Amino acid sequence: MSRINRRRFLGTTAMAATAVAAPTPQEKADPAAAKDVTRLLARFVVGSRKEAIPEAVRKEATRTLLNWVACAVGGSRHEGVDAAIRALAPFSGPAQATILGRHERMDAVSAALMNGLSSHVFDFDDTHLRTVIHPAGPVLPAILAWSEYKGATGSELLHALVLGAEVECRIGNAVYPAHYDVGWHITGTVGPFGAAAAAGKLMGLSEQQMVWALGIAATQPVGLREMFGSMTKSFHPGRAAQNGFTAALLAAQNFTSSNAALEAARGWANVLSTTRNYHAITDNLGAHYEISENTYKPFPCGVVIHPAIDGCLQMREQYALKAEEIARIELRVHPLVLELTGKKTPQTGLEGKFSVYHAVAAAIVEGKVGEQQFSDRAVRNPATVALRERVSAVLDKAIAEDQVRITIIMKDQRRLEKFIEHCAGSTRNPMTNAQLEAKFHGLTDGILPADRSRRLMDLCWKIESLPEAAQVARAAAV
């Protein structure tokens, strides 16, 4: 390359970099919003006292723990988890931490990966609906592994969970939906921040070390939405847990990073999103906790399909519907439904989790929608396939994410209609504790003996009183 051409190339590259970092209207209006974001967040985490966490927030965090443990145990025998352990166990270090639902133990960092993977493989874990982040998946694997390795009380673990969820969801609030729209799987990209903050809190990091931990997390985003419907989707929260855990471990040894990893011109928010609202990260820290808005899935699939499943199950019972009597099913759905779950002809159970067509057909044909309805068998069931071909969906911007309008046209010309205003499991229609317990048993029974499953559930409910948080992990081993 000639000297002149090289100069032109470098000039073009520099202009492109400047364009990427161009301030948003919000930043122009309030330049101070983009100042010291990383440090303010680190200062909040380091300074937080567990006694200051409101009781209602702690109770929701306990529900989050219960739900996550059930999902991790329930998913522990999935072929994706088997493959990951076969691939990486030969390279694991000392047996420091439990793989929930299994007999294997691995080094703490590897265990974080495996438990994060197994907790998400059924797509049955918690969801922060505003951002579609799965908060527990990256955070709990890291802090539970640390608790087994070095020790932490149950109340310390719960406090760390609240803070980790707060960090990842606030960062998610700042960049959603633009960051998600370009194709990032937001749980994998913000998850390392949550895991780093939570693990760093248990490790007792100083403010500067926490800044570094968040910076090391910032440079490790993981997850493309292209992977939805494959085993790699569940790899995202697992790797996020591992990456954030690693970030905290490095920072504890004074491994440095940028002090402005979130807000710098070439930092995380500017590089990974076309828009950002830093006020969503720093305003009112400690006054409101994002985990209070966490939700839990009654069905093991993408949350945007839940209204359609809920409605079809209700209509099946109300009208004693039989698939062979249905001429067609018409859905009016939120725009995200087809963007995320528009697979018309899924060939595997994992793909079925991202097909609204399969989900509603399975609901009518089988009368329930659990993990068995998202198996390879279920997506190839001739009756389900036949009905699936008679399902249509159209976008309706007036429909909210937890809503759906369903019309079922019967072969005898009857038209049956139902509008779901707030689906089961949403913030306006949340799962009860009793429903969570039924879900817990449905996921853990058969992997653990019934008495062990009950004991594990009891340990989760009384996490704040446990002298060792590791009791939960030990009770989930087989």
Protein backbone atom coordinates (compact mmCIF):
# COMPACT_ATOMS: atom_id res chain seq x y z
CA MET A 1 0.00 0.00 0.00
CA SER A 2 1.43 3.42 -0.96
CA ARG A 3 2.00 6.06 1.68
CA ILE A 4 -0.83 8.18 0.25
CA ASN A 5 -3.29 5.28 0.07
CA ARG A 6 -2.33 4.18 3.56
CA ARG A 7 -3.01 7.70 4.85
CA ARG A 8 -6.41 7.68 3.13
CA PHE A 9 -7.18 4.24 4.59
CA LEU A 10 -6.27 5.31 8.10
CA GLY A 11 -8.28 8.49 7.73
CA THR A 12 -11.34 6.56 6.59
CA THR A 13 -10.96 4.11 9.47
CA ALA A 14 -10.66 6.92 11.99
CA MET A 15 -13.79 8.62 10.62
CA ALA A 16 -15.69 5.35 10.82
CA ALA A 17 -14.66 4.86 14.44
CA THR A 18 -15.74 8.40 15.24
CA ALA A 19 -19.09 7.75 13.57
CA VAL A 20 -19.69 4.66 15.71
CA ALA A 21 -19.10 6.71 18.84
CA ALA A 22 -21.29 9.65 17.79
CA PRO A 23 -23.40 10.85 20.74
CA THR A 24 -27.07 10.04 20.86
CA PRO A 25 -29.63 12.88 21.30
CA GLN A 26 -29.88 11.91 24.96
CA GLU A 27 -26.11 12.27 25.36
CA LYS A 28 -26.11 15.64 23.57
CA ALA A 29 -28.87 16.90 25.84
CA ASP A 30 -27.13 15.67 28.98
CA PRO A 31 -23.39 15.02 28.47
CA ALA A 32 -22.99 14.29 32.19
CA ALA A 33 -25.13 11.17 31.77
CA ALA A 34 -22.24 9.45 30.03
CA LYS A 35 -19.70 10.28 32.73
CA ASP A 36 -18.42 7.78 35.30
CA VAL A 37 -21.16 5.24 34.55
CA THR A 38 -18.95 2.22 35.20
CA ARG A 39 -17.60 3.64 38.45
CA LEU A 40 -21.01 4.69 39.77
CA LEU A 41 -22.31 1.19 39.16
CA ALA A 42 -19.27 -0.36 40.84
CA ARG A 43 -19.61 1.98 43.80
CA PHE A 44 -23.25 0.99 44.25
CA VAL A 45 -22.44 -2.74 44.25
CA VAL A 46 -19.51 -2.42 46.65
CA GLY A 47 -21.42 -0.16 49.02
CA SER A 48 -24.66 -2.15 49.07
CA ARG A 49 -25.62 -3.69 52.43
CA LYS A 50 -27.84 -6.74 52.53
CA GLU A 51 -29.80 -5.19 55.42
CA ALA A 52 -30.88 -2.41 53.05
CA ILE A 53 -32.55 -4.76 50.57
CA PRO A 54 -36.34 -4.58 51.06
CA GLU A 55 -38.09 -7.73 52.21
CA ALA A 56 -40.24 -7.90 49.08
CA VAL A 57 -37.11 -7.81 46.91
CA ARG A 58 -35.51 -10.61 48.93
CA LYS A 59 -38.65 -12.70 48.58
CA GLU A 60 -38.62 -12.29 44.79
CA ALA A 61 -34.94 -13.18 44.72
CA THR A 62 -35.78 -16.35 46.64
CA ARG A 63 -38.40 -17.24 44.03
CA THR A 64 -35.77 -16.60 41.37
CA LEU A 65 -33.37 -18.99 43.10
CA LEU A 66 -36.05 -21.69 43.44
CA ASN A 67 -37.00 -21.43 39.78
CA TRP A 68 -33.38 -21.45 38.59
CA VAL A 69 -32.39 -24.49 40.66
CA ALA A 70 -35.37 -26.42 39.25
CA CYS A 71 -34.42 -25.48 35.69
CA ALA A 72 -30.76 -26.41 36.22
CA VAL A 73 -31.59 -29.81 37.70
CA GLY A 74 -34.30 -30.44 35.12
CA GLY A 75 -32.02 -29.64 32.19
CA SER A 76 -29.01 -31.49 33.57
CA ARG A 77 -29.58 -34.66 31.53
CA HIS A 78 -30.10 -32.92 28.20
CA GLU A 79 -27.91 -34.15 25.37
CA GLY A 80 -26.39 -30.68 25.07
CA VAL A 81 -25.16 -30.84 28.66
CA ASP A 82 -23.88 -34.37 28.10
CA ALA A 83 -21.92 -33.19 25.06
CA ALA A 84 -20.46 -30.17 26.85
CA ILE A 85 -19.27 -32.27 29.79
CA ARG A 86 -17.77 -34.90 27.49
CA ALA A 87 -15.94 -32.19 25.61
CA LEU A 88 -14.55 -30.22 28.55
CA ALA A 89 -14.36 -32.53 31.57
CA PRO A 90 -10.96 -33.93 30.49
CA PHE A 91 -9.55 -30.42 30.77
CA SER A 92 -11.25 -29.41 34.02
CA GLY A 93 -9.21 -28.66 37.09
CA PRO A 94 -9.86 -29.85 40.67
CA ALA A 95 -13.37 -31.00 41.61
CA GLN A 96 -14.47 -27.82 43.40
CA ALA A 97 -18.14 -27.41 42.53
CA THR A 98 -21.27 -29.44 41.79
CA ILE A 99 -22.97 -29.83 38.45
CA LEU A 100 -26.60 -29.70 39.62
CA GLY A 101 -28.55 -32.86 38.91
CA ARG A 102 -25.42 -34.87 38.10
CA HIS A 103 -22.66 -36.77 39.86
CA GLU A 104 -19.79 -34.90 38.17
CA ARG A 105 -17.88 -32.15 39.91
CA MET A 106 -15.60 -29.73 38.09
CA ASP A 107 -13.45 -26.74 38.90
CA ALA A 108 -15.58 -23.77 39.93
CA VAL A 109 -15.19 -21.81 36.68
CA SER A 110 -16.11 -24.82 34.53
CA ALA A 111 -19.03 -25.68 36.82
CA ALA A 112 -20.39 -22.17 36.27
CA LEU A 113 -20.44 -22.82 32.53
CA MET A 114 -22.20 -26.17 32.87
CA ASN A 115 -24.83 -25.02 35.35
CA GLY A 116 -25.59 -21.94 33.27
CA LEU A 117 -25.99 -24.12 30.21
CA SER A 118 -28.25 -26.68 31.87
CA SER A 119 -30.44 -24.00 33.46
CA HIS A 120 -31.28 -22.52 30.06
CA VAL A 121 -31.39 -25.56 27.80
CA PHE A 122 -35.15 -26.04 28.29
CA ASP A 123 -35.79 -22.30 27.83
CA PHE A 124 -37.79 -22.54 31.04
CA ASP A 125 -35.84 -20.04 33.16
CA ASP A 126 -36.76 -16.62 34.50
CA THR A 127 -37.33 -13.60 32.25
CA HIS A 128 -37.08 -9.86 32.82
CA LEU A 129 -39.84 -8.99 30.37
CA ARG A 130 -38.79 -5.42 29.66
CA THR A 131 -35.53 -6.62 28.11
CA VAL A 132 -36.12 -10.40 27.68
CA ILE A 133 -32.99 -10.98 29.77
CA HIS A 134 -32.84 -14.24 31.75
CA PRO A 135 -31.28 -12.75 34.91
CA ALA A 136 -30.44 -15.83 36.99
CA GLY A 137 -28.74 -17.84 34.24
CA PRO A 138 -25.44 -15.93 34.23
CA VAL A 139 -25.44 -14.89 37.92
CA LEU A 140 -26.37 -17.91 40.03
CA PRO A 141 -23.95 -20.41 38.42
CA ALA A 142 -21.04 -18.09 39.25
CA ILE A 143 -21.95 -17.32 42.85
CA LEU A 144 -23.08 -20.83 43.71
CA ALA A 145 -19.76 -22.19 42.43
CA TRP A 146 -17.87 -19.58 44.46
CA SER A 147 -19.94 -20.47 47.52
CA GLU A 148 -18.89 -24.11 47.20
CA TYR A 149 -15.26 -23.21 46.63
CA LYS A 150 -14.72 -20.50 49.22
CA GLY A 151 -17.93 -20.29 51.22
CA ALA A 152 -20.78 -17.83 51.60
CA THR A 153 -23.89 -17.76 53.73
CA GLY A 154 -27.31 -18.08 52.16
CA SER A 155 -28.11 -14.43 52.85
CA GLU A 156 -24.84 -13.35 51.24
CA LEU A 157 -25.64 -15.37 48.14
CA LEU A 158 -29.14 -13.90 47.93
CA HIS A 159 -27.75 -10.38 48.28
CA ALA A 160 -25.24 -11.05 45.51
CA LEU A 161 -28.04 -12.40 43.30
CA VAL A 162 -30.06 -9.20 43.77
CA LEU A 163 -27.04 -7.07 42.84
CA GLY A 164 -26.04 -9.17 39.87
CA ALA A 165 -29.56 -9.04 38.45
CA GLU A 166 -29.66 -5.30 39.08
CA VAL A 167 -26.45 -4.67 37.16
CA GLU A 168 -27.28 -6.78 34.13
CA CYS A 169 -30.89 -5.59 33.85
CA ARG A 170 -30.01 -1.91 34.23
CA ILE A 171 -27.41 -2.23 31.49
CA GLY A 172 -29.99 -4.06 29.43
CA ASN A 173 -32.52 -1.29 30.02
CA ALA A 174 -30.00 1.20 28.69
CA VAL A 175 -29.58 -0.45 25.28
CA TYR A 176 -32.78 -2.45 24.65
CA PRO A 177 -34.26 -2.83 22.06
CA ALA A 178 -31.61 -1.45 19.67
CA HIS A 179 -28.91 -3.81 20.95
CA TYR A 180 -31.22 -6.82 20.66
CA ASP A 181 -32.57 -5.79 17.28
CA VAL A 182 -29.18 -6.01 15.56
CA GLY A 183 -28.89 -9.65 16.61
CA TRP A 184 -27.22 -9.85 20.01
CA HIS A 185 -28.61 -12.34 22.53
CA ILE A 186 -28.87 -9.87 25.38
CA THR A 187 -28.60 -12.46 28.18
CA GLY A 188 -25.17 -13.41 26.91
CA THR A 189 -23.97 -9.85 26.43
CA VAL A 190 -25.11 -8.28 29.71
CA GLY A 191 -24.82 -11.51 31.71
CA PRO A 192 -21.05 -11.19 32.25
CA PHE A 193 -21.65 -7.87 34.04
CA GLY A 194 -24.16 -9.47 36.40
CA ALA A 195 -21.94 -12.45 37.13
CA ALA A 196 -18.89 -10.23 37.68
CA ALA A 197 -20.75 -7.89 40.03
CA ALA A 198 -22.32 -10.70 42.04
CA ALA A 199 -19.16 -12.80 42.31
CA GLY A 200 -17.08 -9.70 43.01
CA LYS A 201 -19.43 -8.78 45.85
CA LEU A 202 -18.89 -12.18 47.46
CA MET A 203 -15.14 -11.84 46.98
CA GLY A 204 -15.13 -8.46 48.72
CA LEU A 205 -13.69 -6.48 45.82
CA SER A 206 -12.80 -2.84 46.40
CA GLU A 207 -14.45 -0.13 44.30
CA GLN A 208 -11.48 0.01 41.93
CA GLN A 209 -11.38 -3.76 41.61
CA MET A 210 -15.11 -3.80 40.88
CA VAL A 211 -14.58 -1.20 38.15
CA TRP A 212 -11.95 -3.49 36.65
CA ALA A 213 -14.23 -6.52 36.98
CA LEU A 214 -16.99 -4.73 35.06
CA GLY A 215 -14.42 -3.72 32.47
CA ILE A 216 -13.16 -7.27 32.01
CA ALA A 217 -16.77 -8.40 31.72
CA ALA A 218 -17.42 -5.70 29.10
CA THR A 219 -14.82 -7.14 26.78
CA GLN A 220 -16.42 -10.61 26.85
CA PRO A 221 -19.92 -10.33 25.32
CA VAL A 222 -21.31 -13.59 24.00
CA GLY A 223 -24.38 -14.59 22.05
CA LEU A 224 -25.95 -14.21 18.61
CA ARG A 225 -29.68 -14.59 18.09
CA GLU A 226 -28.87 -16.66 15.02
CA MET A 227 -28.19 -19.52 17.45
CA PHE A 228 -31.78 -19.70 18.71
CA GLY A 229 -33.13 -23.18 18.19
CA SER A 230 -29.75 -24.86 18.67
CA MET A 231 -27.73 -26.05 21.67
CA THR A 232 -25.60 -22.94 21.38
CA LYS A 233 -28.38 -20.70 22.70
CA SER A 234 -28.03 -22.31 26.14
CA PHE A 235 -24.26 -21.93 25.88
CA HIS A 236 -24.73 -18.16 26.04
CA PRO A 237 -25.79 -17.80 29.72
CA GLY A 238 -23.29 -20.50 30.67
CA ARG A 239 -20.42 -18.69 29.03
CA ALA A 240 -21.68 -15.38 30.43
CA ALA A 241 -21.53 -16.90 33.93
CA GLN A 242 -18.03 -18.22 33.27
CA ASN A 243 -16.83 -14.95 31.73
CA GLY A 244 -18.18 -12.79 34.55
CA PHE A 245 -16.80 -15.15 37.19
CA THR A 246 -13.40 -15.01 35.47
CA ALA A 247 -13.60 -11.22 35.37
CA ALA A 248 -14.11 -11.01 39.15
CA LEU A 249 -11.32 -13.50 39.82
CA LEU A 250 -8.90 -11.51 37.68
CA ALA A 251 -9.93 -8.19 39.21
CA ALA A 252 -9.39 -9.63 42.70
CA GLN A 253 -5.74 -10.03 41.71
CA ASN A 254 -5.58 -6.42 40.46
CA PHE A 255 -5.78 -7.35 36.80
CA THR A 256 -6.66 -3.98 35.27
CA SER A 257 -9.11 -2.84 32.64
CA SER A 258 -10.54 0.44 31.39
CA ASN A 259 -12.17 2.57 34.06
CA ALA A 260 -14.93 3.56 31.61
CA ALA A 261 -15.65 0.24 29.91
CA LEU A 262 -19.37 0.88 29.66
CA GLU A 263 -19.52 4.49 28.53
CA ALA A 264 -16.24 5.22 26.70
CA ALA A 265 -16.37 6.13 23.00
CA ARG A 266 -15.16 2.65 22.14
CA GLY A 267 -16.64 0.99 25.19
CA TRP A 268 -19.35 -1.63 25.45
CA ALA A 269 -22.45 0.55 25.04
CA ASN A 270 -21.15 2.50 22.04
CA VAL A 271 -19.76 -0.53 20.23
CA LEU A 272 -22.65 -2.94 20.85
CA SER A 273 -25.65 -0.62 20.51
CA THR A 274 -26.77 2.18 18.24
CA THR A 275 -28.62 3.88 21.10
CA ARG A 276 -28.09 3.99 24.85
CA ASN A 277 -29.64 5.68 27.86
CA TYR A 278 -27.11 5.91 30.67
CA HIS A 279 -29.71 7.29 33.07
CA ALA A 280 -31.28 3.81 33.01
CA ILE A 281 -28.06 2.52 34.57
CA THR A 282 -27.26 5.15 37.17
CA ASP A 283 -30.49 6.85 38.24
CA ASN A 284 -32.13 5.84 41.53
CA LEU A 285 -29.71 3.05 42.32
CA GLY A 286 -30.98 1.30 45.43
CA ALA A 287 -34.45 2.84 45.21
CA HIS A 288 -35.87 0.23 42.85
CA TYR A 289 -34.63 -3.29 42.17
CA GLU A 290 -35.11 -4.87 38.76
CA ILE A 291 -35.42 -8.38 40.20
CA SER A 292 -38.80 -7.23 41.54
CA GLU A 293 -40.02 -7.41 37.93
CA ASN A 294 -38.68 -10.90 37.28
CA THR A 295 -41.10 -13.46 35.86
CA TYR A 296 -41.19 -17.25 35.65
CA LYS A 297 -42.34 -19.36 32.74
CA PRO A 298 -45.22 -21.82 32.94
CA PHE A 299 -44.15 -23.19 29.53
CA PRO A 300 -40.61 -24.21 28.44
CA CYS A 301 -40.19 -22.03 25.35
CA GLY A 302 -39.72 -18.47 24.16
CA VAL A 303 -41.78 -16.20 26.40
CA VAL A 304 -43.40 -14.39 23.47
CA ILE A 305 -45.30 -17.61 22.60
CA HIS A 306 -46.80 -17.91 26.07
CA PRO A 307 -49.97 -15.87 25.41
CA ALA A 308 -50.86 -18.07 22.42
CA ILE A 309 -50.23 -21.27 24.38
CA ASP A 310 -52.19 -20.01 27.37
CA GLY A 311 -55.12 -19.03 25.18
CA CYS A 312 -55.21 -22.26 23.18
CA LEU A 313 -55.07 -24.40 26.30
CA GLN A 314 -57.97 -22.44 27.78
CA MET A 315 -59.99 -22.77 24.57
CA ARG A 316 -59.27 -26.48 24.30
CA GLU A 317 -60.73 -27.04 27.76
CA GLN A 318 -63.60 -24.60 27.36
CA TYR A 319 -64.82 -26.02 24.05
CA ALA A 320 -63.51 -29.61 24.29
CA LEU A 321 -61.59 -29.01 21.08
CA LYS A 322 -60.25 -31.81 18.91
CA ALA A 323 -57.58 -31.08 16.34
CA GLU A 324 -59.33 -32.94 13.53
CA GLU A 325 -62.43 -30.73 13.93
CA ILE A 326 -60.48 -27.49 13.46
CA ALA A 327 -60.34 -25.89 10.01
CA ARG A 328 -57.77 -23.26 10.95
CA ILE A 329 -56.35 -21.19 13.79
CA GLU A 330 -55.69 -17.48 13.30
CA LEU A 331 -53.47 -15.50 15.65
CA ARG A 332 -52.95 -11.76 16.00
CA VAL A 333 -49.64 -11.32 17.81
CA HIS A 334 -47.04 -8.83 18.97
CA PRO A 335 -44.37 -8.15 16.29
CA LEU A 336 -41.69 -9.96 18.29
CA VAL A 337 -43.58 -13.24 18.05
CA LEU A 338 -42.81 -13.89 14.40
CA GLU A 339 -39.38 -12.32 14.62
CA LEU A 340 -38.34 -14.71 17.38
CA THR A 341 -40.64 -17.71 16.92
CA GLY A 342 -41.58 -17.74 13.27
CA LYS A 343 -40.21 -21.19 12.38
CA LYS A 344 -42.99 -22.83 10.39
CA THR A 345 -41.53 -26.31 10.00
CA PRO A 346 -39.34 -27.13 13.02
CA GLN A 347 -37.48 -30.42 12.75
CA THR A 348 -36.14 -30.75 16.29
CA GLY A 349 -37.46 -30.13 19.76
CA LEU A 350 -35.14 -27.15 20.22
CA GLU A 351 -36.43 -25.60 17.01
CA GLY A 352 -39.99 -26.23 18.21
CA LYS A 353 -39.39 -23.85 21.11
CA PHE A 354 -39.11 -21.09 18.50
CA SER A 355 -42.21 -21.95 16.52
CA VAL A 356 -45.49 -20.36 17.52
CA TYR A 357 -47.13 -22.64 14.95
CA HIS A 358 -45.87 -25.78 16.66
CA ALA A 359 -46.61 -24.46 20.15
CA VAL A 360 -50.31 -23.79 19.57
CA ALA A 361 -50.77 -27.00 17.59
CA ALA A 362 -49.16 -29.03 20.38
CA ALA A 363 -51.35 -27.28 22.94
CA ILE A 364 -54.49 -28.37 21.10
CA VAL A 365 -53.32 -31.88 20.19
CA GLU A 366 -51.71 -32.88 23.49
CA GLY A 367 -53.61 -30.72 25.97
CA LYS A 368 -50.50 -29.55 27.78
CA VAL A 369 -47.24 -27.81 26.95
CA GLY A 370 -44.29 -29.09 28.94
CA GLU A 371 -40.84 -30.21 27.92
CA GLN A 372 -42.25 -33.35 26.29
CA GLN A 373 -44.18 -31.16 23.87
CA PHE A 374 -40.88 -29.71 22.69
CA SER A 375 -39.19 -33.03 22.06
CA ASP A 376 -38.14 -34.36 18.67
CA ARG A 377 -41.09 -36.75 18.92
CA ALA A 378 -43.56 -33.94 19.46
CA VAL A 379 -42.48 -31.77 16.54
CA ARG A 380 -42.80 -34.81 14.23
CA ASN A 381 -46.14 -36.02 15.60
CA PRO A 382 -48.35 -36.35 12.48
CA ALA A 383 -51.42 -34.89 14.20
CA THR A 384 -49.45 -31.87 15.42
CA VAL A 385 -47.77 -31.36 12.04
CA ALA A 386 -51.15 -31.48 10.28
CA LEU A 387 -52.70 -28.89 12.60
CA ARG A 388 -49.54 -26.73 12.51
CA GLU A 389 -50.07 -26.30 8.76
CA ARG A 390 -53.50 -24.79 9.50
CA VAL A 391 -52.13 -22.15 11.90
CA SER A 392 -51.53 -18.59 10.68
CA ALA A 393 -50.22 -15.53 12.50
CA VAL A 394 -50.29 -11.85 11.63
CA LEU A 395 -48.57 -8.97 13.37
CA ASP A 396 -50.62 -6.42 15.24
CA LYS A 397 -48.83 -3.45 16.80
CA ALA A 398 -51.80 -2.94 19.12
CA ILE A 399 -51.09 -6.30 20.77
CA ALA A 400 -48.75 -6.16 23.80
CA GLU A 401 -46.05 -8.76 24.41
CA ASP A 402 -48.17 -10.61 26.98
CA GLN A 403 -51.30 -10.56 24.83
CA VAL A 404 -52.78 -12.45 21.88
CA ARG A 405 -56.04 -12.52 19.96
CA ILE A 406 -57.04 -16.04 18.85
CA THR A 407 -59.72 -17.06 16.37
CA ILE A 408 -60.39 -20.77 15.82
CA ILE A 409 -62.58 -21.63 12.83
CA MET A 410 -64.16 -25.05 13.14
CA LYS A 411 -64.97 -27.29 10.19
CA ASP A 412 -68.66 -26.87 11.08
CA GLN A 413 -68.17 -23.09 10.48
CA ARG A 414 -68.25 -22.06 14.14
CA ARG A 415 -65.89 -19.18 15.02
CA LEU A 416 -64.40 -19.31 18.51
CA GLU A 417 -62.55 -16.25 19.76
CA LYS A 418 -60.42 -15.42 22.76
CA PHE A 419 -58.34 -12.42 23.81
CA ILE A 420 -55.59 -12.97 26.38
CA GLU A 421 -54.94 -9.66 28.12
CA HIS A 422 -52.15 -10.84 30.44
CA CYS A 423 -50.84 -14.35 29.92
CA ALA A 424 -49.93 -16.76 32.71
CA GLY A 425 -46.48 -16.01 34.08
CA SER A 426 -46.46 -12.32 33.15
CA THR A 427 -45.90 -9.53 35.67
CA ARG A 428 -49.66 -8.84 35.70
CA ASN A 429 -50.54 -12.53 36.07
CA PRO A 430 -47.55 -14.05 37.89
CA MET A 431 -47.02 -17.66 38.89
CA THR A 432 -47.92 -18.29 42.52
CA ASN A 433 -45.58 -19.98 44.97
CA ALA A 434 -47.70 -23.12 44.70
CA GLN A 435 -47.36 -23.08 40.91
CA LEU A 436 -43.60 -22.61 41.25
CA GLU A 437 -43.46 -25.60 43.57
CA ALA A 438 -45.40 -27.73 41.08
CA LYS A 439 -42.99 -26.62 38.36
CA PHE A 440 -40.07 -27.47 40.65
CA HIS A 441 -41.30 -31.01 41.21
CA GLY A 442 -42.07 -31.44 37.53
CA LEU A 443 -38.46 -30.63 36.68
CA THR A 444 -36.60 -32.35 39.52
CA ASP A 445 -38.66 -35.46 40.31
CA GLY A 446 -37.19 -38.43 38.50
CA ILE A 447 -33.73 -36.88 38.54
CA LEU A 448 -33.73 -36.66 42.32
CA PRO A 449 -35.72 -38.97 44.61
CA ALA A 450 -38.96 -37.34 45.75
CA ASP A 451 -37.73 -36.78 49.31
CA ARG A 452 -34.49 -35.23 48.03
CA SER A 453 -36.44 -32.99 45.68
CA ARG A 454 -38.58 -31.77 48.57
CA ARG A 455 -35.51 -31.14 50.72
CA LEU A 456 -33.85 -29.17 47.93
CA MET A 457 -36.97 -27.07 47.54
CA ASP A 458 -37.08 -26.38 51.28
CA LEU A 459 -33.43 -25.29 51.23
CA CYS A 460 -34.17 -22.83 48.45
CA TRP A 461 -37.14 -21.35 50.30
CA LYS A 462 -35.07 -20.81 53.46
CA ILE A 463 -31.90 -19.67 51.71
CA GLU A 464 -31.55 -16.57 53.90
CA SER A 465 -31.18 -18.66 57.04
CA LEU A 466 -28.62 -21.13 55.67
CA PRO A 467 -25.15 -20.86 57.24
CA GLU A 468 -23.74 -22.28 53.99
CA ALA A 469 -25.23 -21.47 50.60
CA ALA A 470 -23.37 -24.53 49.30
CA GLN A 471 -26.01 -26.71 51.00
CA VAL A 472 -28.22 -26.01 47.99
CA ALA A 473 -25.62 -27.25 45.53
CA ARG A 474 -24.81 -30.34 47.59
CA ALA A 475 -28.50 -31.23 47.88
CA ALA A 476 -28.84 -31.04 44.09
CA ALA A 477 -26.05 -33.55 43.42
CA VAL A 478 -26.79 -37.16 42.56
